[in-house]
Amino acid sequence: MTRVAPLLFLLFGHCLAQQPQTAELPSDAEINELVTKANEKVSAFETAIKLVRSDLDSQEDADLLKKDQTTAATAHEIIHALQKNGPTAYALVALISVLDDMALDSSKTALVLLIRQGLSKPQTQANLAILGQASTSCRDISELLLHATLRMIDVEEAVVRRITSEKH
């Protein structure tokens, strides 16, 4: 280990000395593909919520399902705006936030369903699996959008740094 430490120190120092590379701007096609996939995931989330509606019948449950539907509607609005106006970092971050909320919402709905119904019914087990898949799908597409958005922001910040350094 003592021979490796100096090598790691030199390698680390070399990495720090390198100028940070600006990421490549994600193409409109890449963003559009991710937004289209996000729309599919939002629709799958809505389908999962509709499947469990009959199993959750208290007023508290109805409020939870209404919140789920509102979150999905918000996601569709943001997606429509992105498709119509093109990508902006602001809109993409808003979409990421809503997708993360949907992932949490579907997990919470699954927990309520589990508490109310237990695991005795095969249909409940199937619905829990569908809600789990909806949660995972929302998280996965959110992460892919996050990486593309961070690349977009990195490029935009590099342009701003270059412009401001030229003025001074």
N, C-alpha and C. Protein backbone atom coordinates (compact mmCIF):
# COMPACT_ATOMS: atom_id res chain seq x y z
N MET A 1 0.82 -1.19 0.00
CA MET A 1 0.00 0.00 0.00
C MET A 1 0.87 1.25 0.00
N THR A 2 2.03 1.18 0.63
CA THR A 2 2.86 2.38 0.72
C THR A 2 3.41 2.77 -0.64
N ARG A 3 3.60 1.81 -1.55
CA ARG A 3 4.06 2.15 -2.90
C ARG A 3 2.95 2.74 -3.76
N VAL A 4 1.72 2.36 -3.46
CA VAL A 4 0.58 2.81 -4.25
C VAL A 4 0.21 4.25 -3.87
N ALA A 5 0.37 4.63 -2.61
CA ALA A 5 -0.05 5.95 -2.15
C ALA A 5 0.59 7.08 -2.94
N PRO A 6 1.93 7.10 -3.18
CA PRO A 6 2.51 8.19 -3.96
C PRO A 6 1.95 8.24 -5.40
N LEU A 7 1.69 7.07 -5.98
CA LEU A 7 1.13 7.04 -7.33
C LEU A 7 -0.28 7.64 -7.36
N LEU A 8 -1.07 7.29 -6.34
CA LEU A 8 -2.40 7.85 -6.27
C LEU A 8 -2.35 9.36 -6.07
N PHE A 9 -1.40 9.82 -5.25
CA PHE A 9 -1.25 11.25 -5.01
C PHE A 9 -0.88 11.97 -6.31
N LEU A 10 0.06 11.40 -7.08
CA LEU A 10 0.44 12.02 -8.35
C LEU A 10 -0.72 12.02 -9.34
N LEU A 11 -1.44 10.92 -9.40
CA LEU A 11 -2.58 10.83 -10.30
C LEU A 11 -3.65 11.84 -9.90
N PHE A 12 -3.92 11.95 -8.61
CA PHE A 12 -4.91 12.89 -8.11
C PHE A 12 -4.48 14.32 -8.43
N GLY A 13 -3.22 14.63 -8.20
CA GLY A 13 -2.69 15.96 -8.51
C GLY A 13 -2.79 16.27 -9.99
N HIS A 14 -2.51 15.28 -10.83
CA HIS A 14 -2.60 15.46 -12.27
C HIS A 14 -4.05 15.75 -12.68
N CYS A 15 -5.00 15.05 -12.09
CA CYS A 15 -6.41 15.27 -12.40
C CYS A 15 -6.84 16.67 -11.98
N LEU A 16 -6.36 17.15 -10.83
CA LEU A 16 -6.71 18.48 -10.36
C LEU A 16 -6.10 19.55 -11.26
N ALA A 17 -4.93 19.30 -11.81
CA ALA A 17 -4.26 20.28 -12.65
C ALA A 17 -4.92 20.42 -14.01
N GLN A 18 -5.63 19.41 -14.46
CA GLN A 18 -6.30 19.46 -15.76
C GLN A 18 -7.45 20.46 -15.71
N GLN A 19 -7.63 21.18 -16.79
CA GLN A 19 -8.78 22.07 -16.91
C GLN A 19 -10.03 21.21 -17.05
N PRO A 20 -11.11 21.60 -16.35
CA PRO A 20 -12.32 20.79 -16.49
C PRO A 20 -12.84 20.86 -17.93
N GLN A 21 -13.22 19.71 -18.43
CA GLN A 21 -13.77 19.63 -19.78
C GLN A 21 -15.25 19.97 -19.73
N THR A 22 -15.67 20.81 -20.65
CA THR A 22 -17.08 21.12 -20.74
C THR A 22 -17.79 19.94 -21.40
N ALA A 23 -18.90 19.60 -20.83
CA ALA A 23 -19.69 18.50 -21.37
C ALA A 23 -20.24 18.89 -22.74
N GLU A 24 -20.67 17.89 -23.47
CA GLU A 24 -21.29 18.14 -24.77
C GLU A 24 -22.77 18.44 -24.56
N LEU A 25 -23.25 19.47 -25.22
CA LEU A 25 -24.65 19.86 -25.13
C LEU A 25 -25.52 18.72 -25.63
N PRO A 26 -26.53 18.31 -24.85
CA PRO A 26 -27.42 17.26 -25.35
C PRO A 26 -28.19 17.79 -26.55
N SER A 27 -28.36 16.95 -27.53
CA SER A 27 -29.07 17.37 -28.74
C SER A 27 -30.57 17.49 -28.45
N ASP A 28 -31.25 18.24 -29.30
CA ASP A 28 -32.70 18.34 -29.17
C ASP A 28 -33.34 16.96 -29.31
N ALA A 29 -32.78 16.15 -30.21
CA ALA A 29 -33.33 14.80 -30.40
C ALA A 29 -33.20 13.96 -29.13
N GLU A 30 -32.06 14.08 -28.44
CA GLU A 30 -31.86 13.34 -27.19
C GLU A 30 -32.86 13.79 -26.13
N ILE A 31 -33.00 15.10 -25.99
CA ILE A 31 -33.94 15.63 -25.00
C ILE A 31 -35.37 15.23 -25.37
N ASN A 32 -35.72 15.36 -26.64
CA ASN A 32 -37.07 14.98 -27.07
C ASN A 32 -37.37 13.52 -26.80
N GLU A 33 -36.39 12.67 -27.04
CA GLU A 33 -36.58 11.24 -26.77
C GLU A 33 -36.81 10.99 -25.28
N LEU A 34 -36.03 11.67 -24.43
CA LEU A 34 -36.20 11.52 -22.98
C LEU A 34 -37.56 12.06 -22.53
N VAL A 35 -37.97 13.17 -23.08
CA VAL A 35 -39.26 13.77 -22.72
C VAL A 35 -40.40 12.86 -23.18
N THR A 36 -40.28 12.27 -24.35
CA THR A 36 -41.30 11.32 -24.84
C THR A 36 -41.38 10.11 -23.92
N LYS A 37 -40.21 9.60 -23.50
CA LYS A 37 -40.21 8.46 -22.56
C LYS A 37 -40.81 8.86 -21.23
N ALA A 38 -40.52 10.09 -20.79
CA ALA A 38 -41.11 10.57 -19.53
C ALA A 38 -42.63 10.61 -19.64
N ASN A 39 -43.13 11.03 -20.78
CA ASN A 39 -44.57 11.07 -20.99
C ASN A 39 -45.17 9.67 -20.88
N GLU A 40 -44.47 8.68 -21.44
CA GLU A 40 -44.92 7.29 -21.34
C GLU A 40 -44.94 6.83 -19.89
N LYS A 41 -43.92 7.22 -19.12
CA LYS A 41 -43.84 6.81 -17.71
C LYS A 41 -44.95 7.48 -16.90
N VAL A 42 -45.28 8.73 -17.23
CA VAL A 42 -46.36 9.43 -16.54
C VAL A 42 -47.68 8.72 -16.84
N SER A 43 -47.90 8.33 -18.08
CA SER A 43 -49.13 7.60 -18.45
C SER A 43 -49.20 6.26 -17.73
N ALA A 44 -48.08 5.57 -17.61
CA ALA A 44 -48.05 4.29 -16.88
C ALA A 44 -48.37 4.52 -15.39
N PHE A 45 -47.88 5.61 -14.84
CA PHE A 45 -48.18 5.98 -13.45
C PHE A 45 -49.69 6.18 -13.30
N GLU A 46 -50.30 6.92 -14.24
CA GLU A 46 -51.75 7.16 -14.19
C GLU A 46 -52.53 5.85 -14.26
N THR A 47 -52.09 4.95 -15.11
CA THR A 47 -52.75 3.64 -15.22
C THR A 47 -52.65 2.88 -13.90
N ALA A 48 -51.49 2.91 -13.27
CA ALA A 48 -51.30 2.22 -11.99
C ALA A 48 -52.23 2.80 -10.92
N ILE A 49 -52.37 4.11 -10.91
CA ILE A 49 -53.24 4.75 -9.93
C ILE A 49 -54.70 4.35 -10.18
N LYS A 50 -55.10 4.29 -11.43
CA LYS A 50 -56.49 3.90 -11.75
C LYS A 50 -56.76 2.46 -11.32
N LEU A 51 -55.76 1.59 -11.43
CA LEU A 51 -55.94 0.19 -11.05
C LEU A 51 -56.25 0.02 -9.57
N VAL A 52 -55.69 0.87 -8.74
CA VAL A 52 -55.86 0.69 -7.29
C VAL A 52 -57.02 1.52 -6.73
N ARG A 53 -57.64 2.33 -7.57
CA ARG A 53 -58.72 3.22 -7.11
C ARG A 53 -59.80 2.44 -6.35
N SER A 54 -60.21 1.29 -6.88
CA SER A 54 -61.30 0.55 -6.25
C SER A 54 -60.89 -0.07 -4.91
N ASP A 55 -59.60 -0.27 -4.71
CA ASP A 55 -59.12 -0.85 -3.45
C ASP A 55 -58.93 0.19 -2.36
N LEU A 56 -58.90 1.45 -2.75
CA LEU A 56 -58.69 2.53 -1.78
C LEU A 56 -59.93 3.42 -1.79
N ASP A 57 -60.80 3.23 -0.78
CA ASP A 57 -62.10 3.89 -0.86
C ASP A 57 -62.39 4.88 0.26
N SER A 58 -61.50 5.07 1.21
CA SER A 58 -61.77 6.05 2.26
C SER A 58 -61.51 7.46 1.72
N GLN A 59 -61.98 8.47 2.44
CA GLN A 59 -61.78 9.85 2.01
C GLN A 59 -60.29 10.19 1.98
N GLU A 60 -59.56 9.71 2.96
CA GLU A 60 -58.11 9.94 3.00
C GLU A 60 -57.44 9.33 1.77
N ASP A 61 -57.87 8.13 1.40
CA ASP A 61 -57.34 7.47 0.22
C ASP A 61 -57.69 8.24 -1.05
N ALA A 62 -58.93 8.74 -1.10
CA ALA A 62 -59.36 9.51 -2.27
C ALA A 62 -58.51 10.77 -2.43
N ASP A 63 -58.17 11.41 -1.32
CA ASP A 63 -57.32 12.59 -1.36
C ASP A 63 -55.92 12.23 -1.88
N LEU A 64 -55.43 11.08 -1.46
CA LEU A 64 -54.12 10.62 -1.92
C LEU A 64 -54.14 10.38 -3.43
N LEU A 65 -55.19 9.72 -3.91
CA LEU A 65 -55.31 9.44 -5.34
C LEU A 65 -55.49 10.74 -6.14
N LYS A 66 -56.21 11.69 -5.59
CA LYS A 66 -56.38 12.98 -6.26
C LYS A 66 -55.03 13.70 -6.36
N LYS A 67 -54.24 13.63 -5.32
CA LYS A 67 -52.90 14.23 -5.35
C LYS A 67 -52.05 13.55 -6.42
N ASP A 68 -52.14 12.23 -6.51
CA ASP A 68 -51.41 11.49 -7.53
C ASP A 68 -51.81 11.95 -8.93
N GLN A 69 -53.12 12.12 -9.13
CA GLN A 69 -53.62 12.54 -10.44
C GLN A 69 -53.17 13.97 -10.76
N THR A 70 -53.17 14.84 -9.76
CA THR A 70 -52.73 16.23 -9.96
C THR A 70 -51.26 16.27 -10.33
N THR A 71 -50.46 15.46 -9.67
CA THR A 71 -49.03 15.41 -9.97
C THR A 71 -48.80 14.94 -11.40
N ALA A 72 -49.54 13.93 -11.82
CA ALA A 72 -49.42 13.42 -13.20
C ALA A 72 -49.85 14.48 -14.20
N ALA A 73 -50.93 15.19 -13.90
CA ALA A 73 -51.40 16.26 -14.80
C ALA A 73 -50.34 17.36 -14.92
N THR A 74 -49.70 17.70 -13.82
CA THR A 74 -48.63 18.70 -13.84
C THR A 74 -47.48 18.21 -14.72
N ALA A 75 -47.13 16.95 -14.59
CA ALA A 75 -46.05 16.39 -15.42
C ALA A 75 -46.41 16.49 -16.90
N HIS A 76 -47.65 16.15 -17.24
CA HIS A 76 -48.08 16.24 -18.64
C HIS A 76 -48.02 17.69 -19.15
N GLU A 77 -48.38 18.65 -18.30
CA GLU A 77 -48.31 20.07 -18.69
C GLU A 77 -46.87 20.48 -18.99
N ILE A 78 -45.95 20.09 -18.13
CA ILE A 78 -44.54 20.43 -18.32
C ILE A 78 -44.01 19.77 -19.59
N ILE A 79 -44.37 18.51 -19.78
CA ILE A 79 -43.93 17.78 -20.98
C ILE A 79 -44.47 18.45 -22.24
N HIS A 80 -45.73 18.84 -22.21
CA HIS A 80 -46.33 19.53 -23.37
C HIS A 80 -45.58 20.83 -23.65
N ALA A 81 -45.26 21.58 -22.60
CA ALA A 81 -44.52 22.84 -22.78
C ALA A 81 -43.13 22.59 -23.35
N LEU A 82 -42.47 21.54 -22.89
CA LEU A 82 -41.14 21.19 -23.42
C LEU A 82 -41.23 20.81 -24.89
N GLN A 83 -42.25 20.05 -25.24
CA GLN A 83 -42.41 19.63 -26.64
C GLN A 83 -42.76 20.82 -27.53
N LYS A 84 -43.51 21.75 -27.01
CA LYS A 84 -43.94 22.91 -27.80
C LYS A 84 -42.84 23.97 -27.90
N ASN A 85 -42.19 24.27 -26.78
CA ASN A 85 -41.25 25.40 -26.72
C ASN A 85 -39.78 25.00 -26.79
N GLY A 86 -39.50 23.72 -26.72
CA GLY A 86 -38.11 23.27 -26.70
C GLY A 86 -37.58 23.23 -25.28
N PRO A 87 -36.44 22.57 -25.10
CA PRO A 87 -35.92 22.36 -23.76
C PRO A 87 -35.24 23.60 -23.18
N THR A 88 -35.51 23.80 -21.91
CA THR A 88 -34.76 24.77 -21.10
C THR A 88 -34.37 24.06 -19.82
N ALA A 89 -33.30 24.50 -19.21
CA ALA A 89 -32.87 23.88 -17.96
C ALA A 89 -33.96 24.01 -16.90
N TYR A 90 -34.60 25.17 -16.87
CA TYR A 90 -35.66 25.42 -15.89
C TYR A 90 -36.80 24.40 -16.03
N ALA A 91 -37.30 24.24 -17.25
CA ALA A 91 -38.40 23.30 -17.49
C ALA A 91 -37.98 21.86 -17.21
N LEU A 92 -36.76 21.51 -17.58
CA LEU A 92 -36.28 20.14 -17.33
C LEU A 92 -36.15 19.87 -15.83
N VAL A 93 -35.67 20.84 -15.08
CA VAL A 93 -35.57 20.66 -13.62
C VAL A 93 -36.97 20.53 -13.02
N ALA A 94 -37.93 21.32 -13.52
CA ALA A 94 -39.30 21.20 -13.05
C ALA A 94 -39.84 19.79 -13.32
N LEU A 95 -39.57 19.27 -14.51
CA LEU A 95 -40.02 17.91 -14.85
C LEU A 95 -39.35 16.87 -13.95
N ILE A 96 -38.08 17.02 -13.72
CA ILE A 96 -37.35 16.09 -12.84
C ILE A 96 -37.99 16.10 -11.45
N SER A 97 -38.29 17.28 -10.95
CA SER A 97 -38.90 17.40 -9.62
C SER A 97 -40.25 16.71 -9.57
N VAL A 98 -41.07 16.90 -10.58
CA VAL A 98 -42.40 16.28 -10.61
C VAL A 98 -42.28 14.76 -10.74
N LEU A 99 -41.34 14.30 -11.56
CA LEU A 99 -41.14 12.84 -11.69
C LEU A 99 -40.69 12.23 -10.37
N ASP A 100 -39.83 12.94 -9.65
CA ASP A 100 -39.41 12.45 -8.33
C ASP A 100 -40.60 12.42 -7.36
N ASP A 101 -41.46 13.45 -7.43
CA ASP A 101 -42.68 13.44 -6.61
C ASP A 101 -43.56 12.25 -6.95
N MET A 102 -43.68 11.95 -8.25
CA MET A 102 -44.50 10.82 -8.67
C MET A 102 -43.93 9.50 -8.15
N ALA A 103 -42.61 9.37 -8.16
CA ALA A 103 -42.00 8.15 -7.63
C ALA A 103 -42.33 7.99 -6.15
N LEU A 104 -42.25 9.08 -5.42
CA LEU A 104 -42.60 9.03 -3.99
C LEU A 104 -44.09 8.77 -3.80
N ASP A 105 -44.91 9.43 -4.63
CA ASP A 105 -46.36 9.25 -4.52
C ASP A 105 -46.77 7.80 -4.76
N SER A 106 -46.19 7.18 -5.78
CA SER A 106 -46.58 5.79 -6.06
C SER A 106 -46.10 4.86 -4.95
N SER A 107 -44.96 5.17 -4.35
CA SER A 107 -44.50 4.36 -3.20
C SER A 107 -45.45 4.54 -2.02
N LYS A 108 -45.88 5.78 -1.78
CA LYS A 108 -46.80 6.04 -0.68
C LYS A 108 -48.14 5.36 -0.93
N THR A 109 -48.64 5.44 -2.16
CA THR A 109 -49.90 4.79 -2.50
C THR A 109 -49.79 3.28 -2.31
N ALA A 110 -48.65 2.72 -2.70
CA ALA A 110 -48.44 1.28 -2.52
C ALA A 110 -48.44 0.92 -1.03
N LEU A 111 -47.83 1.75 -0.21
CA LEU A 111 -47.81 1.49 1.23
C LEU A 111 -49.22 1.54 1.81
N VAL A 112 -50.00 2.53 1.42
CA VAL A 112 -51.38 2.64 1.89
C VAL A 112 -52.18 1.41 1.43
N LEU A 113 -52.00 1.02 0.19
CA LEU A 113 -52.68 -0.17 -0.33
C LEU A 113 -52.30 -1.40 0.48
N LEU A 114 -51.05 -1.55 0.78
CA LEU A 114 -50.57 -2.69 1.55
C LEU A 114 -51.20 -2.69 2.95
N ILE A 115 -51.26 -1.52 3.57
CA ILE A 115 -51.85 -1.41 4.91
C ILE A 115 -53.33 -1.74 4.87
N ARG A 116 -54.04 -1.23 3.86
CA ARG A 116 -55.49 -1.42 3.77
C ARG A 116 -55.87 -2.85 3.36
N GLN A 117 -55.13 -3.42 2.41
CA GLN A 117 -55.53 -4.70 1.81
C GLN A 117 -54.71 -5.90 2.28
N GLY A 118 -53.48 -5.65 2.73
CA GLY A 118 -52.61 -6.76 3.07
C GLY A 118 -52.15 -7.48 1.81
N LEU A 119 -51.57 -8.63 1.97
CA LEU A 119 -51.06 -9.39 0.82
C LEU A 119 -51.91 -10.61 0.51
N SER A 120 -53.10 -10.68 1.11
CA SER A 120 -53.91 -11.90 0.94
C SER A 120 -54.51 -12.04 -0.46
N LYS A 121 -54.81 -10.92 -1.11
CA LYS A 121 -55.43 -10.99 -2.43
C LYS A 121 -54.36 -10.99 -3.53
N PRO A 122 -54.46 -11.89 -4.48
CA PRO A 122 -53.51 -11.89 -5.59
C PRO A 122 -53.55 -10.57 -6.39
N GLN A 123 -54.74 -9.97 -6.53
CA GLN A 123 -54.85 -8.72 -7.27
C GLN A 123 -54.11 -7.59 -6.56
N THR A 124 -54.15 -7.61 -5.23
CA THR A 124 -53.42 -6.59 -4.47
C THR A 124 -51.92 -6.75 -4.72
N GLN A 125 -51.44 -7.96 -4.72
CA GLN A 125 -50.03 -8.20 -4.99
C GLN A 125 -49.65 -7.70 -6.38
N ALA A 126 -50.52 -7.95 -7.35
CA ALA A 126 -50.26 -7.48 -8.72
C ALA A 126 -50.25 -5.96 -8.77
N ASN A 127 -51.19 -5.32 -8.09
CA ASN A 127 -51.25 -3.86 -8.07
C ASN A 127 -50.03 -3.26 -7.38
N LEU A 128 -49.57 -3.91 -6.33
CA LEU A 128 -48.35 -3.44 -5.65
C LEU A 128 -47.15 -3.51 -6.59
N ALA A 129 -47.09 -4.58 -7.37
CA ALA A 129 -45.99 -4.72 -8.33
C ALA A 129 -46.06 -3.63 -9.39
N ILE A 130 -47.27 -3.32 -9.86
CA ILE A 130 -47.45 -2.27 -10.87
C ILE A 130 -47.07 -0.91 -10.31
N LEU A 131 -47.49 -0.63 -9.07
CA LEU A 131 -47.10 0.64 -8.44
C LEU A 131 -45.58 0.72 -8.23
N GLY A 132 -45.00 -0.41 -7.86
CA GLY A 132 -43.53 -0.44 -7.70
C GLY A 132 -42.82 -0.17 -9.00
N GLN A 133 -43.33 -0.74 -10.08
CA GLN A 133 -42.75 -0.50 -11.40
C GLN A 133 -42.91 0.95 -11.82
N ALA A 134 -44.07 1.54 -11.52
CA ALA A 134 -44.30 2.95 -11.85
C ALA A 134 -43.31 3.84 -11.10
N SER A 135 -43.08 3.53 -9.84
CA SER A 135 -42.13 4.29 -9.04
C SER A 135 -40.73 4.19 -9.61
N THR A 136 -40.30 2.98 -9.92
CA THR A 136 -38.97 2.76 -10.49
C THR A 136 -38.81 3.45 -11.84
N SER A 137 -39.83 3.37 -12.68
CA SER A 137 -39.77 4.00 -14.00
C SER A 137 -39.64 5.51 -13.89
N CYS A 138 -40.40 6.10 -12.98
CA CYS A 138 -40.31 7.56 -12.80
C CYS A 138 -38.93 7.96 -12.30
N ARG A 139 -38.38 7.20 -11.38
CA ARG A 139 -37.02 7.49 -10.87
C ARG A 139 -35.98 7.34 -11.98
N ASP A 140 -36.10 6.28 -12.77
CA ASP A 140 -35.11 6.02 -13.83
C ASP A 140 -35.10 7.12 -14.88
N ILE A 141 -36.28 7.52 -15.37
CA ILE A 141 -36.31 8.55 -16.41
C ILE A 141 -35.91 9.90 -15.81
N SER A 142 -36.23 10.11 -14.55
CA SER A 142 -35.81 11.34 -13.87
C SER A 142 -34.28 11.42 -13.83
N GLU A 143 -33.64 10.32 -13.55
CA GLU A 143 -32.17 10.30 -13.49
C GLU A 143 -31.56 10.55 -14.86
N LEU A 144 -32.12 9.96 -15.90
CA LEU A 144 -31.62 10.20 -17.25
C LEU A 144 -31.80 11.66 -17.65
N LEU A 145 -32.94 12.24 -17.30
CA LEU A 145 -33.17 13.65 -17.58
C LEU A 145 -32.21 14.53 -16.77
N LEU A 146 -31.92 14.12 -15.55
CA LEU A 146 -30.99 14.87 -14.72
C LEU A 146 -29.61 14.95 -15.37
N HIS A 147 -29.12 13.84 -15.86
CA HIS A 147 -27.79 13.83 -16.49
C HIS A 147 -27.76 14.73 -17.73
N ALA A 148 -28.79 14.66 -18.54
CA ALA A 148 -28.85 15.51 -19.73
C ALA A 148 -28.95 16.98 -19.33
N THR A 149 -29.73 17.27 -18.31
CA THR A 149 -29.90 18.65 -17.85
C THR A 149 -28.61 19.20 -17.28
N LEU A 150 -27.89 18.39 -16.52
CA LEU A 150 -26.61 18.84 -15.97
C LEU A 150 -25.61 19.13 -17.09
N ARG A 151 -25.64 18.32 -18.14
CA ARG A 151 -24.76 18.61 -19.28
C ARG A 151 -25.15 19.92 -19.94
N MET A 152 -26.45 20.15 -20.07
CA MET A 152 -26.93 21.40 -20.67
C MET A 152 -26.48 22.59 -19.82
N ILE A 153 -26.65 22.49 -18.53
CA ILE A 153 -26.28 23.58 -17.63
C ILE A 153 -24.77 23.81 -17.67
N ASP A 154 -23.99 22.74 -17.73
CA ASP A 154 -22.53 22.86 -17.79
C ASP A 154 -22.11 23.65 -19.03
N VAL A 155 -22.69 23.34 -20.16
CA VAL A 155 -22.36 24.04 -21.41
C VAL A 155 -22.80 25.50 -21.32
N GLU A 156 -24.00 25.73 -20.82
CA GLU A 156 -24.49 27.10 -20.70
C GLU A 156 -23.62 27.93 -19.76
N GLU A 157 -23.21 27.34 -18.65
CA GLU A 157 -22.34 28.06 -17.71
C GLU A 157 -20.97 28.34 -18.33
N ALA A 158 -20.46 27.43 -19.12
CA ALA A 158 -19.17 27.65 -19.78
C ALA A 158 -19.27 28.83 -20.74
N VAL A 159 -20.38 28.94 -21.44
CA VAL A 159 -20.59 30.07 -22.36
C VAL A 159 -20.65 31.38 -21.57
N VAL A 160 -21.37 31.37 -20.47
CA VAL A 160 -21.48 32.57 -19.64
C VAL A 160 -20.11 32.95 -19.08
N ARG A 161 -19.34 31.97 -18.60
CA ARG A 161 -17.98 32.26 -18.08
C ARG A 161 -17.12 32.87 -19.17
N ARG A 162 -17.20 32.31 -20.37
CA ARG A 162 -16.39 32.82 -21.48
C ARG A 162 -16.78 34.26 -21.81
N ILE A 163 -18.07 34.54 -21.87
CA ILE A 163 -18.54 35.89 -22.19
C ILE A 163 -18.13 36.89 -21.10
N THR A 164 -18.28 36.50 -19.86
CA THR A 164 -17.93 37.42 -18.78
C THR A 164 -16.43 37.63 -18.67
N SER A 165 -15.65 36.59 -18.98
CA SER A 165 -14.19 36.76 -18.90
C SER A 165 -13.69 37.63 -20.06
N GLU A 166 -14.38 37.62 -21.19
CA GLU A 166 -14.00 38.47 -22.32
C GLU A 166 -14.31 39.94 -22.04
N LYS A 167 -15.30 40.21 -21.22
CA LYS A 167 -15.66 41.59 -20.89
C LYS A 167 -14.71 42.20 -19.89
N HIS A 168 -14.00 41.39 -19.14
CA HIS A 168 -13.11 41.90 -18.09
C HIS A 168 -11.72 41.81 -18.55
